[in-house]
Amino acid sequence: MAQENSKFLKAYEMASSTNQQFPPDVLLHFYALYKRATEKNGFYIPPTNTGDLRSAFKINALVQVKDLSKTEAEKQYIDLVETHIGKVTV
C-alpha cells in the first residue's frame, strides 16, 4: 500500500509539473480522480454558488468517479498519467 501511495504521489508530481497541454475532458478526469483519491470523506463537491459553468463540469466529472474506491481512484490516476505524460517510477 505504501508503494502504491508513493507511486500516486509521484504521478501527481508529474501531472502538476508538466508543461503539456491537455483537452478539457482529460483535465477534468485528472481533477476528479485526484479529488476522489484524496478527499477525507471520499467525495468532494466544489462550491456551486457561483453559477459558473466550470463548476458544473467539475461536479459532472466528480459524479462520474463517485463509485470508485480511493485506491481505485489512485490507480486510475496513475494510469491516466502514464497514458498522457509518461511512466511513473518510484
N, C-alpha and C. Protein backbone atom coordinates (compact mmCIF):
# COMPACT_ATOMS: atom_id res chain seq x y z
N MET A 1 0.82 -1.20 0.00
CA MET A 1 0.00 0.00 0.00
C MET A 1 0.87 1.27 0.00
N ALA A 2 1.95 1.25 0.78
CA ALA A 2 2.82 2.42 0.84
C ALA A 2 3.46 2.71 -0.51
N GLN A 3 3.86 1.65 -1.22
CA GLN A 3 4.46 1.86 -2.54
C GLN A 3 3.43 2.43 -3.50
N GLU A 4 2.20 1.92 -3.42
CA GLU A 4 1.14 2.43 -4.31
C GLU A 4 0.90 3.91 -4.03
N ASN A 5 0.91 4.30 -2.75
CA ASN A 5 0.72 5.70 -2.39
C ASN A 5 1.89 6.53 -2.89
N SER A 6 3.10 6.01 -2.80
CA SER A 6 4.28 6.73 -3.31
C SER A 6 4.16 6.92 -4.82
N LYS A 7 3.67 5.89 -5.50
CA LYS A 7 3.51 5.98 -6.95
C LYS A 7 2.44 7.03 -7.30
N PHE A 8 1.37 7.07 -6.52
CA PHE A 8 0.32 8.08 -6.72
C PHE A 8 0.90 9.47 -6.53
N LEU A 9 1.67 9.67 -5.46
CA LEU A 9 2.26 10.98 -5.21
C LEU A 9 3.23 11.39 -6.31
N LYS A 10 3.98 10.43 -6.83
CA LYS A 10 4.90 10.70 -7.95
C LYS A 10 4.09 11.07 -9.20
N ALA A 11 2.98 10.35 -9.43
CA ALA A 11 2.12 10.66 -10.58
C ALA A 11 1.56 12.06 -10.46
N TYR A 12 1.14 12.43 -9.25
CA TYR A 12 0.62 13.77 -9.03
C TYR A 12 1.70 14.83 -9.30
N GLU A 13 2.90 14.56 -8.82
CA GLU A 13 4.02 15.47 -9.05
C GLU A 13 4.26 15.64 -10.56
N MET A 14 4.23 14.53 -11.29
CA MET A 14 4.44 14.60 -12.74
C MET A 14 3.34 15.40 -13.42
N ALA A 15 2.10 15.17 -13.01
CA ALA A 15 0.97 15.88 -13.63
C ALA A 15 1.02 17.36 -13.29
N SER A 16 1.42 17.68 -12.08
CA SER A 16 1.47 19.08 -11.64
C SER A 16 2.59 19.88 -12.31
N SER A 17 3.65 19.19 -12.69
CA SER A 17 4.81 19.91 -13.22
C SER A 17 4.95 19.84 -14.74
N THR A 18 4.06 19.13 -15.40
CA THR A 18 4.18 19.02 -16.85
C THR A 18 3.81 20.33 -17.54
N ASN A 19 4.43 20.57 -18.66
CA ASN A 19 4.09 21.73 -19.49
C ASN A 19 3.14 21.36 -20.62
N GLN A 20 2.78 20.08 -20.67
CA GLN A 20 1.88 19.62 -21.73
C GLN A 20 0.50 20.26 -21.57
N GLN A 21 -0.14 20.48 -22.70
CA GLN A 21 -1.50 21.00 -22.72
C GLN A 21 -2.44 19.84 -22.99
N PHE A 22 -3.53 19.76 -22.25
CA PHE A 22 -4.50 18.67 -22.41
C PHE A 22 -5.87 19.22 -22.73
N PRO A 23 -6.68 18.43 -23.44
CA PRO A 23 -8.06 18.84 -23.69
C PRO A 23 -8.82 18.94 -22.36
N PRO A 24 -9.86 19.75 -22.33
CA PRO A 24 -10.62 19.92 -21.08
C PRO A 24 -11.14 18.62 -20.47
N ASP A 25 -11.54 17.66 -21.29
CA ASP A 25 -12.07 16.41 -20.73
C ASP A 25 -10.99 15.63 -19.98
N VAL A 26 -9.77 15.67 -20.47
CA VAL A 26 -8.66 14.98 -19.79
C VAL A 26 -8.33 15.71 -18.48
N LEU A 27 -8.30 17.03 -18.52
CA LEU A 27 -8.05 17.80 -17.30
C LEU A 27 -9.11 17.51 -16.24
N LEU A 28 -10.36 17.43 -16.65
CA LEU A 28 -11.43 17.13 -15.71
C LEU A 28 -11.29 15.73 -15.13
N HIS A 29 -10.83 14.80 -15.93
CA HIS A 29 -10.62 13.44 -15.45
C HIS A 29 -9.48 13.43 -14.41
N PHE A 30 -8.39 14.13 -14.70
CA PHE A 30 -7.31 14.27 -13.72
C PHE A 30 -7.87 14.84 -12.41
N TYR A 31 -8.61 15.91 -12.53
CA TYR A 31 -9.18 16.60 -11.38
C TYR A 31 -10.07 15.67 -10.55
N ALA A 32 -11.00 15.01 -11.20
CA ALA A 32 -11.97 14.17 -10.48
C ALA A 32 -11.29 12.98 -9.80
N LEU A 33 -10.37 12.34 -10.50
CA LEU A 33 -9.68 11.20 -9.89
C LEU A 33 -8.82 11.64 -8.70
N TYR A 34 -8.15 12.78 -8.85
CA TYR A 34 -7.34 13.28 -7.74
C TYR A 34 -8.21 13.59 -6.53
N LYS A 35 -9.30 14.30 -6.75
CA LYS A 35 -10.19 14.65 -5.65
C LYS A 35 -10.77 13.40 -4.99
N ARG A 36 -11.16 12.43 -5.80
CA ARG A 36 -11.73 11.18 -5.27
C ARG A 36 -10.69 10.43 -4.44
N ALA A 37 -9.46 10.45 -4.89
CA ALA A 37 -8.40 9.71 -4.19
C ALA A 37 -7.94 10.41 -2.91
N THR A 38 -8.13 11.71 -2.81
CA THR A 38 -7.54 12.45 -1.69
C THR A 38 -8.53 13.03 -0.70
N GLU A 39 -9.78 13.09 -1.00
CA GLU A 39 -10.74 13.66 -0.06
C GLU A 39 -10.95 12.73 1.13
N LYS A 40 -11.00 13.30 2.31
CA LYS A 40 -11.17 12.50 3.53
C LYS A 40 -12.48 11.73 3.54
N ASN A 41 -13.55 12.37 3.13
CA ASN A 41 -14.84 11.67 3.11
C ASN A 41 -15.08 10.95 1.80
N GLY A 42 -14.14 11.05 0.88
CA GLY A 42 -14.21 10.32 -0.37
C GLY A 42 -15.00 10.97 -1.48
N PHE A 43 -15.68 12.06 -1.19
CA PHE A 43 -16.43 12.72 -2.26
C PHE A 43 -16.39 14.22 -2.04
N TYR A 44 -15.84 14.92 -3.00
CA TYR A 44 -15.67 16.36 -2.92
C TYR A 44 -16.72 17.03 -3.80
N ILE A 45 -17.35 18.07 -3.26
CA ILE A 45 -18.30 18.86 -4.04
C ILE A 45 -17.79 20.29 -4.07
N PRO A 46 -17.46 20.80 -5.26
CA PRO A 46 -16.98 22.18 -5.32
C PRO A 46 -18.12 23.16 -5.00
N PRO A 47 -17.78 24.36 -4.60
CA PRO A 47 -18.82 25.36 -4.33
C PRO A 47 -19.67 25.60 -5.57
N THR A 48 -20.96 25.68 -5.39
CA THR A 48 -21.85 25.83 -6.54
C THR A 48 -22.56 27.18 -6.56
N ASN A 49 -22.26 28.05 -5.62
CA ASN A 49 -22.97 29.32 -5.54
C ASN A 49 -22.57 30.31 -6.63
N THR A 50 -21.57 29.98 -7.42
CA THR A 50 -21.11 30.92 -8.44
C THR A 50 -21.93 30.83 -9.72
N GLY A 51 -22.64 29.73 -9.93
CA GLY A 51 -23.37 29.56 -11.18
C GLY A 51 -22.43 29.41 -12.36
N ASP A 52 -21.19 29.12 -12.07
CA ASP A 52 -20.14 29.02 -13.06
C ASP A 52 -20.26 27.71 -13.85
N LEU A 53 -20.16 27.79 -15.14
CA LEU A 53 -20.22 26.60 -15.99
C LEU A 53 -19.08 25.64 -15.66
N ARG A 54 -17.92 26.17 -15.31
CA ARG A 54 -16.78 25.33 -14.96
C ARG A 54 -17.11 24.45 -13.75
N SER A 55 -17.79 25.02 -12.75
CA SER A 55 -18.19 24.23 -11.58
C SER A 55 -19.13 23.09 -11.97
N ALA A 56 -20.00 23.36 -12.91
CA ALA A 56 -20.93 22.31 -13.37
C ALA A 56 -20.16 21.17 -14.02
N PHE A 57 -19.16 21.48 -14.81
CA PHE A 57 -18.34 20.44 -15.43
C PHE A 57 -17.56 19.66 -14.37
N LYS A 58 -17.05 20.36 -13.36
CA LYS A 58 -16.32 19.69 -12.28
C LYS A 58 -17.25 18.72 -11.53
N ILE A 59 -18.44 19.19 -11.20
CA ILE A 59 -19.39 18.33 -10.50
C ILE A 59 -19.72 17.11 -11.34
N ASN A 60 -19.93 17.30 -12.63
CA ASN A 60 -20.22 16.17 -13.51
C ASN A 60 -19.07 15.17 -13.52
N ALA A 61 -17.84 15.66 -13.58
CA ALA A 61 -16.67 14.77 -13.56
C ALA A 61 -16.58 14.01 -12.25
N LEU A 62 -16.87 14.68 -11.15
CA LEU A 62 -16.83 14.03 -9.84
C LEU A 62 -17.91 12.97 -9.70
N VAL A 63 -19.07 13.24 -10.22
CA VAL A 63 -20.16 12.25 -10.17
C VAL A 63 -19.77 10.99 -10.95
N GLN A 64 -19.04 11.16 -12.03
CA GLN A 64 -18.63 10.01 -12.84
C GLN A 64 -17.66 9.09 -12.10
N VAL A 65 -16.93 9.59 -11.10
CA VAL A 65 -15.97 8.74 -10.37
C VAL A 65 -16.41 8.44 -8.94
N LYS A 66 -17.60 8.84 -8.56
CA LYS A 66 -18.03 8.73 -7.17
C LYS A 66 -18.09 7.30 -6.65
N ASP A 67 -18.27 6.34 -7.52
CA ASP A 67 -18.37 4.95 -7.08
C ASP A 67 -17.01 4.25 -6.96
N LEU A 68 -15.95 4.94 -7.33
CA LEU A 68 -14.61 4.36 -7.20
C LEU A 68 -14.16 4.43 -5.74
N SER A 69 -13.43 3.41 -5.31
CA SER A 69 -12.79 3.49 -4.00
C SER A 69 -11.61 4.46 -4.13
N LYS A 70 -11.10 4.90 -3.00
CA LYS A 70 -9.94 5.78 -3.03
C LYS A 70 -8.76 5.09 -3.72
N THR A 71 -8.58 3.80 -3.42
CA THR A 71 -7.48 3.03 -4.01
C THR A 71 -7.65 2.93 -5.52
N GLU A 72 -8.86 2.64 -5.97
CA GLU A 72 -9.11 2.53 -7.41
C GLU A 72 -8.91 3.88 -8.09
N ALA A 73 -9.31 4.96 -7.44
CA ALA A 73 -9.09 6.30 -8.00
C ALA A 73 -7.60 6.59 -8.14
N GLU A 74 -6.81 6.19 -7.14
CA GLU A 74 -5.36 6.36 -7.22
C GLU A 74 -4.79 5.59 -8.41
N LYS A 75 -5.22 4.34 -8.55
CA LYS A 75 -4.72 3.52 -9.67
C LYS A 75 -5.09 4.12 -11.01
N GLN A 76 -6.33 4.58 -11.14
CA GLN A 76 -6.75 5.17 -12.41
C GLN A 76 -6.02 6.48 -12.68
N TYR A 77 -5.72 7.23 -11.64
CA TYR A 77 -4.96 8.46 -11.79
C TYR A 77 -3.56 8.15 -12.32
N ILE A 78 -2.93 7.15 -11.73
CA ILE A 78 -1.60 6.72 -12.19
C ILE A 78 -1.67 6.28 -13.65
N ASP A 79 -2.68 5.50 -14.01
CA ASP A 79 -2.85 5.06 -15.40
C ASP A 79 -3.02 6.26 -16.33
N LEU A 80 -3.78 7.25 -15.90
CA LEU A 80 -4.02 8.44 -16.73
C LEU A 80 -2.71 9.20 -16.94
N VAL A 81 -1.92 9.33 -15.89
CA VAL A 81 -0.61 9.99 -16.02
C VAL A 81 0.27 9.21 -16.99
N GLU A 82 0.30 7.89 -16.84
CA GLU A 82 1.14 7.08 -17.71
C GLU A 82 0.67 7.14 -19.16
N THR A 83 -0.61 7.26 -19.37
CA THR A 83 -1.15 7.37 -20.73
C THR A 83 -0.78 8.70 -21.39
N HIS A 84 -0.86 9.79 -20.62
CA HIS A 84 -0.70 11.12 -21.21
C HIS A 84 0.64 11.79 -20.96
N ILE A 85 1.37 11.35 -19.94
CA ILE A 85 2.62 12.04 -19.60
C ILE A 85 3.83 11.13 -19.69
N GLY A 86 3.76 9.96 -19.09
CA GLY A 86 4.89 9.05 -19.14
C GLY A 86 4.87 8.08 -17.97
N LYS A 87 5.76 7.13 -18.01
CA LYS A 87 5.85 6.07 -17.00
C LYS A 87 6.13 6.67 -15.62
N VAL A 88 5.37 6.21 -14.62
CA VAL A 88 5.57 6.66 -13.25
C VAL A 88 6.47 5.65 -12.55
N THR A 89 7.66 6.10 -12.15
CA THR A 89 8.58 5.23 -11.43
C THR A 89 8.88 5.85 -10.08
N VAL A 90 8.94 4.99 -9.08
CA VAL A 90 9.18 5.46 -7.71
C VAL A 90 10.61 5.17 -7.34
